[in-house]
C-alpha atoms as a PDB file:
ATOM      1  CA  MET A   1     -12.717  13.456  -7.085  1.00  0.00           C
ATOM      2  CA  SER A   2     -11.656   9.985  -6.008  1.00  0.00           C
ATOM      3  CA  GLY A   3      -8.029   9.565  -5.036  1.00  0.00           C
ATOM      4  CA  LEU A   4      -7.980   6.220  -6.837  1.00  0.00           C
ATOM      5  CA  ASN A   5     -10.465   4.900  -9.367  1.00  0.00           C
ATOM      6  CA  ILE A   6     -10.121   1.315 -10.646  1.00  0.00           C
ATOM      7  CA  SER A   7     -12.496   0.179 -13.373  1.00  0.00           C
ATOM      8  CA  HIS A   8     -12.883  -3.378 -14.744  1.00  0.00           C
ATOM      9  CA  LEU A   9      -9.245  -4.288 -14.126  1.00  0.00           C
ATOM     10  CA  SER A  10      -8.231  -7.820 -15.106  1.00  0.00           C
ATOM     11  CA  HIS A  11      -4.869  -9.540 -15.458  1.00  0.00           C
ATOM     12  CA  ARG A  12      -3.542 -12.887 -16.633  1.00  0.00           C
ATOM     13  CA  PHE A  13      -0.246 -14.727 -16.448  1.00  0.00           C
ATOM     14  CA  GLY A  14      -0.378 -16.727 -19.666  1.00  0.00           C
ATOM     15  CA  SER A  15      -3.629 -18.660 -19.651  1.00  0.00           C
ATOM     16  CA  ARG A  16      -4.178 -18.217 -15.919  1.00  0.00           C
ATOM     17  CA  ALA A  17      -6.510 -15.427 -14.777  1.00  0.00           C
ATOM     18  CA  VAL A  18      -5.086 -13.715 -11.686  1.00  0.00           C
ATOM     19  CA  LEU A  19      -7.504 -10.792 -11.339  1.00  0.00           C
ATOM     20  CA  ARG A  20     -11.003 -10.645 -12.788  1.00  0.00           C
ATOM     21  CA  ASP A  21     -12.971  -7.459 -13.429  1.00  0.00           C
ATOM     22  CA  ILE A  22     -11.816  -5.481 -10.355  1.00  0.00           C
ATOM     23  CA  SER A  23     -13.547  -2.130  -9.798  1.00  0.00           C
ATOM     24  CA  PHE A  24     -13.424   0.182  -6.785  1.00  0.00           C
ATOM     25  CA  ARG A  25     -12.933   3.792  -5.723  1.00  0.00           C
ATOM     26  CA  ALA A  26     -10.807   5.096  -2.873  1.00  0.00           C
ATOM     27  CA  ALA A  27     -11.863   8.510  -1.595  1.00  0.00           C
ATOM     28  CA  THR A  28      -9.301  11.231  -0.982  1.00  0.00           C
ATOM     29  CA  GLY A  29      -7.894  10.894   2.531  1.00  0.00           C
ATOM     30  CA  SER A  30      -9.346   7.419   3.073  1.00  0.00           C
ATOM     31  CA  PHE A  31      -7.666   4.372   4.626  1.00  0.00           C
ATOM     32  CA  ASN A  32      -8.466   1.332   2.500  1.00  0.00           C
ATOM     33  CA  VAL A  33      -7.562  -2.181   3.629  1.00  0.00           C
ATOM     34  CA  LEU A  34      -6.971  -4.554   0.727  1.00  0.00           C
ATOM     35  CA  LEU A  35      -7.697  -7.764   2.601  1.00  0.00           C
ATOM     36  CA  GLY A  36      -7.102 -11.291   1.416  1.00  0.00           C
ATOM     37  CA  PRO A  37      -5.320 -14.517   2.319  1.00  0.00           C
ATOM     38  CA  ASN A  38      -1.884 -15.280   0.941  1.00  0.00           C
ATOM     39  CA  GLY A  39      -2.239 -15.892  -2.774  1.00  0.00           C
ATOM     40  CA  ALA A  40      -5.403 -13.821  -3.137  1.00  0.00           C
ATOM     41  CA  GLY A  41      -3.934 -11.550  -5.822  1.00  0.00           C
ATOM     42  CA  LYS A  42      -3.077  -8.569  -3.597  1.00  0.00           C
ATOM     43  CA  THR A  43       0.540  -8.256  -4.748  1.00  0.00           C
ATOM     44  CA  THR A  44      -0.498  -8.514  -8.396  1.00  0.00           C
ATOM     45  CA  LEU A  45      -3.026  -5.723  -7.875  1.00  0.00           C
ATOM     46  CA  ILE A  46      -0.438  -3.512  -6.153  1.00  0.00           C
ATOM     47  CA  SER A  47       1.975  -4.236  -9.028  1.00  0.00           C
ATOM     48  CA  LEU A  48      -0.640  -3.092 -11.539  1.00  0.00           C
ATOM     49  CA  LEU A  49      -1.483   0.036  -9.550  1.00  0.00           C
ATOM     50  CA  SER A  50       2.179   0.981  -9.215  1.00  0.00           C
ATOM     51  CA  GLY A  51       2.980   0.402 -12.891  1.00  0.00           C
ATOM     52  CA  LEU A  52       5.234  -2.635 -12.404  1.00  0.00           C
ATOM     53  CA  TYR A  53       2.811  -4.628 -14.556  1.00  0.00           C
ATOM     54  CA  TYR A  54       0.988  -3.201 -17.550  1.00  0.00           C
ATOM     55  CA  ALA A  55      -2.786  -3.314 -17.230  1.00  0.00           C
ATOM     56  CA  ARG A  56      -4.013  -4.618 -20.581  1.00  0.00           C
ATOM     57  CA  SER A  57      -7.637  -4.738 -19.504  1.00  0.00           C
ATOM     58  CA  GLY A  58      -9.441  -2.055 -17.506  1.00  0.00           C
ATOM     59  CA  SER A  59      -8.324   1.356 -16.299  1.00  0.00           C
ATOM     60  CA  ILE A  60      -6.452   2.937 -13.392  1.00  0.00           C
ATOM     61  CA  GLU A  61      -6.880   6.619 -12.524  1.00  0.00           C
ATOM     62  CA  VAL A  62      -5.063   8.477  -9.739  1.00  0.00           C
ATOM     63  CA  PHE A  63      -6.493  11.914  -8.945  1.00  0.00           C
ATOM     64  CA  GLY A  64      -7.958  12.158 -12.429  1.00  0.00           C
ATOM     65  CA  HIS A  65      -4.830  11.004 -14.284  1.00  0.00           C
ATOM     66  CA  SER A  66      -4.964   7.805 -16.346  1.00  0.00           C
ATOM     67  CA  MET A  67      -2.155   5.318 -15.856  1.00  0.00           C
ATOM     68  CA  ARG A  68      -2.385   4.415 -19.558  1.00  0.00           C
ATOM     69  CA  GLU A  69      -2.430   7.989 -20.886  1.00  0.00           C
ATOM     70  CA  ARG A  70      -0.428   9.926 -18.282  1.00  0.00           C
ATOM     71  CA  PRO A  71       1.727   7.458 -16.329  1.00  0.00           C
ATOM     72  CA  THR A  72       4.267  10.094 -15.284  1.00  0.00           C
ATOM     73  CA  GLN A  73       1.564  12.185 -13.595  1.00  0.00           C
ATOM     74  CA  VAL A  74       0.173   9.093 -11.888  1.00  0.00           C
ATOM     75  CA  LEU A  75       3.555   8.054 -10.494  1.00  0.00           C
ATOM     76  CA  ARG A  76       4.287  11.584  -9.261  1.00  0.00           C
ATOM     77  CA  ASN A  77       1.145  11.355  -7.139  1.00  0.00           C
ATOM     78  CA  MET A  78       1.999   7.884  -5.793  1.00  0.00           C
ATOM     79  CA  GLY A  79       4.328   6.419  -3.186  1.00  0.00           C
ATOM     80  CA  VAL A  80       4.824   2.668  -2.861  1.00  0.00           C
ATOM     81  CA  VAL A  81       6.108   0.416  -0.082  1.00  0.00           C
ATOM     82  CA  PHE A  82       6.633  -3.070  -1.488  1.00  0.00           C
ATOM     83  CA  GLN A  83       6.410  -6.300   0.482  1.00  0.00           C
ATOM     84  CA  HIS A  84      10.112  -7.064   0.082  1.00  0.00           C
ATOM     85  CA  THR A  85      12.713  -4.481   1.028  1.00  0.00           C
ATOM     86  CA  THR A  86      13.879  -2.080  -1.671  1.00  0.00           C
ATOM     87  CA  LEU A  87      16.703  -0.574   0.384  1.00  0.00           C
ATOM     88  CA  ASP A  88      20.309  -1.032  -0.676  1.00  0.00           C
ATOM     89  CA  LEU A  89      21.612  -2.646   2.497  1.00  0.00           C
ATOM     90  CA  ASP A  90      25.185  -1.511   1.877  1.00  0.00           C
ATOM     91  CA  LEU A  91      24.162   2.163   1.741  1.00  0.00           C
ATOM     92  CA  SER A  92      23.360   4.343   4.728  1.00  0.00           C
ATOM     93  CA  VAL A  93      19.850   5.555   5.474  1.00  0.00           C
ATOM     94  CA  TYR A  94      20.858   8.971   4.142  1.00  0.00           C
ATOM     95  CA  GLU A  95      22.260   7.507   0.915  1.00  0.00           C
ATOM     96  CA  ASN A  96      19.154   5.414   0.328  1.00  0.00           C
ATOM     97  CA  LEU A  97      16.893   8.423   0.750  1.00  0.00           C
ATOM     98  CA  ARG A  98      19.133  10.651  -1.359  1.00  0.00           C
ATOM     99  CA  TYR A  99      18.891   8.123  -4.180  1.00  0.00           C
ATOM    100  CA  GLN A 100      15.106   7.964  -3.826  1.00  0.00           C
ATOM    101  CA  ALA A 101      14.884  11.767  -3.915  1.00  0.00           C
ATOM    102  CA  SER A 102      16.939  11.854  -7.106  1.00  0.00           C
ATOM    103  CA  LEU A 103      14.469   9.533  -8.836  1.00  0.00           C
ATOM    104  CA  TYR A 104      11.793  12.185  -8.364  1.00  0.00           C
ATOM    105  CA  GLY A 105      14.055  15.071  -9.351  1.00  0.00           C
ATOM    106  CA  LEU A 106      14.039  16.761  -5.949  1.00  0.00           C
ATOM    107  CA  ALA A 107      16.567  19.573  -5.601  1.00  0.00           C
ATOM    108  CA  PRO A 108      19.306  18.793  -3.039  1.00  0.00           C
ATOM    109  CA  ALA A 109      18.084  21.390  -0.529  1.00  0.00           C
ATOM    110  CA  THR A 110      14.487  20.196  -0.846  1.00  0.00           C
ATOM    111  CA  ALA A 111      15.543  16.564  -0.585  1.00  0.00           C
ATOM    112  CA  LYS A 112      17.506  17.237   2.598  1.00  0.00           C
ATOM    113  CA  GLN A 113      14.566  19.027   4.205  1.00  0.00           C
ATOM    114  CA  ARG A 114      12.106  16.306   3.209  1.00  0.00           C
ATOM    115  CA  GLN A 115      14.432  13.574   4.516  1.00  0.00           C
ATOM    116  CA  ARG A 116      14.634  15.275   7.883  1.00  0.00           C
ATOM    117  CA  GLU A 117      10.875  15.813   8.074  1.00  0.00           C
ATOM    118  CA  GLU A 118       9.883  12.259   7.225  1.00  0.00           C
ATOM    119  CA  LEU A 119      12.582  10.568   9.319  1.00  0.00           C
ATOM    120  CA  GLU A 120      11.715  12.682  12.346  1.00  0.00           C
ATOM    121  CA  ARG A 121       8.026  11.978  11.860  1.00  0.00           C
ATOM    122  CA  ILE A 122       8.579   8.220  11.805  1.00  0.00           C
ATOM    123  CA  GLY A 123      11.233   8.165  14.525  1.00  0.00           C
ATOM    124  CA  VAL A 124      14.484   7.238  12.751  1.00  0.00           C
ATOM    125  CA  ALA A 125      16.231  10.597  12.339  1.00  0.00           C
ATOM    126  CA  ASP A 126      19.021   9.464  14.673  1.00  0.00           C
ATOM    127  CA  ARG A 127      19.891   6.529  12.350  1.00  0.00           C
ATOM    128  CA  LEU A 128      20.689   8.688   9.319  1.00  0.00           C
ATOM    129  CA  ARG A 129      24.320   7.621   8.883  1.00  0.00           C
ATOM    130  CA  GLU A 130      23.869   3.942   9.704  1.00  0.00           C
ATOM    131  CA  PRO A 131      24.066   1.319   6.951  1.00  0.00           C
ATOM    132  CA  ALA A 132      20.640  -0.113   6.249  1.00  0.00           C
ATOM    133  CA  ARG A 133      22.101  -3.567   6.895  1.00  0.00           C
ATOM    134  CA  GLN A 134      22.499  -2.711  10.595  1.00  0.00           C
ATOM    135  CA  LEU A 135      18.852  -1.766  11.042  1.00  0.00           C
ATOM    136  CA  SER A 136      16.195  -4.117  12.366  1.00  0.00           C
ATOM    137  CA  GLY A 137      13.383  -5.172  10.061  1.00  0.00           C
ATOM    138  CA  GLY A 138      11.059  -2.680  11.707  1.00  0.00           C
ATOM    139  CA  MET A 139      13.521   0.186  11.301  1.00  0.00           C
ATOM    140  CA  ARG A 140      14.082  -0.702   7.639  1.00  0.00           C
ATOM    141  CA  ARG A 141      10.349  -0.603   7.080  1.00  0.00           C
ATOM    142  CA  ARG A 142      10.139   2.827   8.692  1.00  0.00           C
ATOM    143  CA  VAL A 143      12.875   4.090   6.376  1.00  0.00           C
ATOM    144  CA  GLU A 144      11.039   2.669   3.349  1.00  0.00           C
ATOM    145  CA  ILE A 145       7.860   4.503   4.349  1.00  0.00           C
ATOM    146  CA  ALA A 146       9.839   7.733   4.764  1.00  0.00           C
ATOM    147  CA  ALA A 147      11.398   7.187   1.326  1.00  0.00           C
ATOM    148  CA  ALA A 148       7.993   6.608  -0.283  1.00  0.00           C
ATOM    149  CA  LEU A 149       6.754   9.940   1.104  1.00  0.00           C
ATOM    150  CA  LEU A 150       9.736  12.141   0.150  1.00  0.00           C
ATOM    151  CA  HIS A 151       8.068  13.576  -2.949  1.00  0.00           C
ATOM    152  CA  GLN A 152       4.836  14.213  -1.012  1.00  0.00           C
ATOM    153  CA  PRO A 153       2.547  11.844  -2.922  1.00  0.00           C
ATOM    154  CA  ARG A 154      -1.212  12.011  -2.509  1.00  0.00           C
ATOM    155  CA  LEU A 155      -1.647   8.213  -2.700  1.00  0.00           C
ATOM    156  CA  LEU A 156       0.364   5.643  -0.736  1.00  0.00           C
ATOM    157  CA  LEU A 157       0.305   1.914  -1.583  1.00  0.00           C
ATOM    158  CA  LEU A 158       1.653  -0.570   0.952  1.00  0.00           C
ATOM    159  CA  ASP A 159       1.934  -4.299   0.253  1.00  0.00           C
ATOM    160  CA  GLU A 160       1.932  -6.375   3.467  1.00  0.00           C
ATOM    161  CA  PRO A 161       4.030  -3.685   5.230  1.00  0.00           C
ATOM    162  CA  THR A 162       3.986  -5.265   8.706  1.00  0.00           C
ATOM    163  CA  VAL A 163       4.622  -8.945   7.912  1.00  0.00           C
ATOM    164  CA  GLY A 164       7.350 -10.347  10.145  1.00  0.00           C
ATOM    165  CA  LEU A 165       7.428  -7.352  12.484  1.00  0.00           C
ATOM    166  CA  ASP A 166       6.850  -7.429  16.238  1.00  0.00           C
ATOM    167  CA  VAL A 167       3.526  -6.289  17.655  1.00  0.00           C
ATOM    168  CA  GLY A 168       4.797  -2.928  18.913  1.00  0.00           C
ATOM    169  CA  THR A 169       6.349  -2.002  15.575  1.00  0.00           C
ATOM    170  CA  ARG A 170       3.243  -3.122  13.682  1.00  0.00           C
ATOM    171  CA  ARG A 171       1.041  -0.920  15.835  1.00  0.00           C
ATOM    172  CA  PHE A 172       3.361   2.068  15.474  1.00  0.00           C
ATOM    173  CA  ILE A 173       3.526   1.845  11.668  1.00  0.00           C
ATOM    174  CA  LEU A 174      -0.218   1.325  11.337  1.00  0.00           C
ATOM    175  CA  SER A 175      -0.918   4.285  13.638  1.00  0.00           C
ATOM    176  CA  HIS A 176       1.573   6.454  11.746  1.00  0.00           C
ATOM    177  CA  VAL A 177      -0.021   5.788   8.367  1.00  0.00           C
ATOM    178  CA  ARG A 178      -3.555   6.243   9.693  1.00  0.00           C
ATOM    179  CA  ARG A 179      -2.504   9.582  11.157  1.00  0.00           C
ATOM    180  CA  LEU A 180      -1.213  10.681   7.745  1.00  0.00           C
ATOM    181  CA  CYS A 181      -4.695  10.027   6.353  1.00  0.00           C
ATOM    182  CA  GLN A 182      -6.422  11.968   9.102  1.00  0.00           C
ATOM    183  CA  GLU A 183      -4.049  14.929   9.363  1.00  0.00           C
ATOM    184  CA  HIS A 184      -2.648  15.276   5.845  1.00  0.00           C
ATOM    185  CA  GLY A 185      -5.386  13.876   3.601  1.00  0.00           C
ATOM    186  CA  LEU A 186      -3.216  11.050   2.288  1.00  0.00           C
ATOM    187  CA  THR A 187      -5.133   8.330   0.453  1.00  0.00           C
ATOM    188  CA  VAL A 188      -3.895   4.873   1.478  1.00  0.00           C
ATOM    189  CA  VAL A 189      -4.291   1.341   0.129  1.00  0.00           C
ATOM    190  CA  TRP A 190      -2.924  -1.061   2.752  1.00  0.00           C
ATOM    191  CA  ALA A 191      -2.696  -4.685   1.586  1.00  0.00           C
ATOM    192  CA  THR A 192      -2.738  -7.281   4.359  1.00  0.00           C
ATOM    193  CA  HIS A 193      -3.978 -10.687   5.453  1.00  0.00           C
ATOM    194  CA  LEU A 194      -3.940  -9.632   9.123  1.00  0.00           C
ATOM    195  CA  LEU A 195      -7.442  -9.020  10.420  1.00  0.00           C
ATOM    196  CA  ASP A 196      -6.336  -7.034  13.474  1.00  0.00           C
ATOM    197  CA  GLU A 197      -5.164  -4.262  11.126  1.00  0.00           C
ATOM    198  CA  ILE A 198      -8.772  -3.374  10.289  1.00  0.00           C
ATOM    199  CA  GLU A 199     -10.440  -0.640  12.315  1.00  0.00           C
ATOM    200  CA  SER A 200     -14.116   0.313  12.210  1.00  0.00           C
ATOM    201  CA  THR A 201     -13.593   3.438  10.059  1.00  0.00           C
ATOM    202  CA  ALA A 202     -11.557   1.691   7.359  1.00  0.00           C
ATOM    203  CA  SER A 203     -12.899   0.770   3.954  1.00  0.00           C
ATOM    204  CA  VAL A 204     -12.423  -2.955   3.323  1.00  0.00           C
ATOM    205  CA  LEU A 205     -11.643  -4.443  -0.085  1.00  0.00           C
ATOM    206  CA  LEU A 206     -11.893  -8.239   0.248  1.00  0.00           C
ATOM    207  CA  LEU A 207      -9.940  -9.930  -2.525  1.00  0.00           C
ATOM    208  CA  HIS A 208      -9.723 -13.676  -3.043  1.00  0.00           C
ATOM    209  CA  GLY A 209      -9.285 -16.067  -5.920  1.00  0.00           C
ATOM    210  CA  GLY A 210      -8.825 -13.114  -8.272  1.00  0.00           C
ATOM    211  CA  ASP A 211     -12.246 -11.661  -7.446  1.00  0.00           C
ATOM    212  CA  LEU A 212     -13.183  -8.628  -5.383  1.00  0.00           C
ATOM    213  CA  LEU A 213     -15.763 -10.114  -3.018  1.00  0.00           C
ATOM    214  CA  TRP A 214     -16.631  -7.000  -1.029  1.00  0.00           C
ATOM    215  CA  THR A 215     -15.988  -3.273  -0.833  1.00  0.00           C
ATOM    216  CA  GLY A 216     -17.317  -1.268   2.083  1.00  0.00           C
ATOM    217  CA  SER A 217     -17.304  -1.052   5.845  1.00  0.00           C
ATOM    218  CA  PRO A 218     -16.274  -3.824   8.243  1.00  0.00           C
ATOM    219  CA  ASP A 219     -19.862  -3.913   9.522  1.00  0.00           C
ATOM    220  CA  GLY A 220     -21.097  -4.445   5.991  1.00  0.00           C
ATOM    221  CA  LEU A 221     -18.682  -7.344   5.591  1.00  0.00           C
ATOM    222  CA  LEU A 222     -20.049  -8.924   8.748  1.00  0.00           C
ATOM    223  CA  ALA A 223     -23.592  -8.527   7.441  1.00  0.00           C
ATOM    224  CA  LEU A 224     -22.669 -10.046   4.078  1.00  0.00           C
ATOM    225  CA  ALA A 225     -21.235 -13.131   5.758  1.00  0.00           C
ATOM    226  CA  GLY A 226     -23.909 -13.310   8.445  1.00  0.00           C
ATOM    227  CA  LYS A 227     -21.238 -13.408  11.144  1.00  0.00           C
ATOM    228  CA  THR A 228     -20.459 -11.416  14.289  1.00  0.00           C
ATOM    229  CA  THR A 229     -16.641 -11.352  14.105  1.00  0.00           C
ATOM    230  CA  LEU A 230     -14.231 -10.481  11.294  1.00  0.00           C
ATOM    231  CA  PRO A 231     -12.294 -13.778  11.545  1.00  0.00           C
ATOM    232  CA  ASP A 232     -15.512 -15.751  11.147  1.00  0.00           C
ATOM    233  CA  ALA A 233     -16.665 -13.551   8.264  1.00  0.00           C
ATOM    234  CA  PHE A 234     -13.281 -13.810   6.553  1.00  0.00           C
ATOM    235  CA  LEU A 235     -13.203 -17.594   6.784  1.00  0.00           C
ATOM    236  CA  SER A 236     -16.807 -17.931   5.682  1.00  0.00           C
ATOM    237  CA  LEU A 237     -16.236 -15.894   2.536  1.00  0.00           C
ATOM    238  CA  THR A 238     -12.836 -17.256   1.523  1.00  0.00           C
ATOM    239  CA  GLU A 239     -12.376 -20.833   2.723  1.00  0.00           C
ATOM    240  CA  GLN A 240     -14.280 -22.408  -0.171  1.00  0.00           C
ATOM    241  CA  ARG A 241     -12.551 -20.408  -2.905  1.00  0.00           C
ATOM    242  CA  PRO A 242      -9.273 -21.296  -4.647  1.00  0.00           C
ATOM    243  CA  SER A 243      -6.276 -18.975  -4.236  1.00  0.00           C
ATOM    244  CA  VAL A 244      -4.162 -17.438  -6.994  1.00  0.00           C
ATOM    245  CA  SER A 245      -0.630 -16.059  -6.974  1.00  0.00           C
END
């Protein structure tokens, strides 16, 4: 069973088509890079997958559950890290995570254990009582990833999770999420425009101008473009196409 199955998904804002006939599968435990320049439609796709927008055309299935028919089951299997922070900056790390746990109906004892596990795993357990406002951008992002994993989802969506972060923090977060795929079977969709976040074992979903131009390995993308480097392939396939929001 695929962790995520998208079939003929399209979306419009008024008369403007933003996504056109998007179809792909993400295998259980796979790391999938949703690649595209700014304005390619990545955030719109993440919004559809996470239920923020209603998909009027096409279907979304998460571990066999249809977003249209069983949205509660889909969302229980999904964690989301949005591009812009969702933390309440006036609350402490603990208070932010407690609120997140309550949204998923976690019992207090379970929530406390899961908070400790995820914060220790991502290296911010010692910041539990600090207001989120006092954390650096990288630390806030770590807390948001911990929050998204509290209810132990099987699918994690991340929309440009490393934008604006320093190189060391970017590498740590990327390594952490990849390790979750390898060791815990988490299925990941990682939206980015940063080519250095693609490793050879990742599955690449190249989105631009509302169209899915390629799904497959990085080597396959190079072959499609007839290029020897990912930057050259990326530019070759996207520079002549218009962007969308």
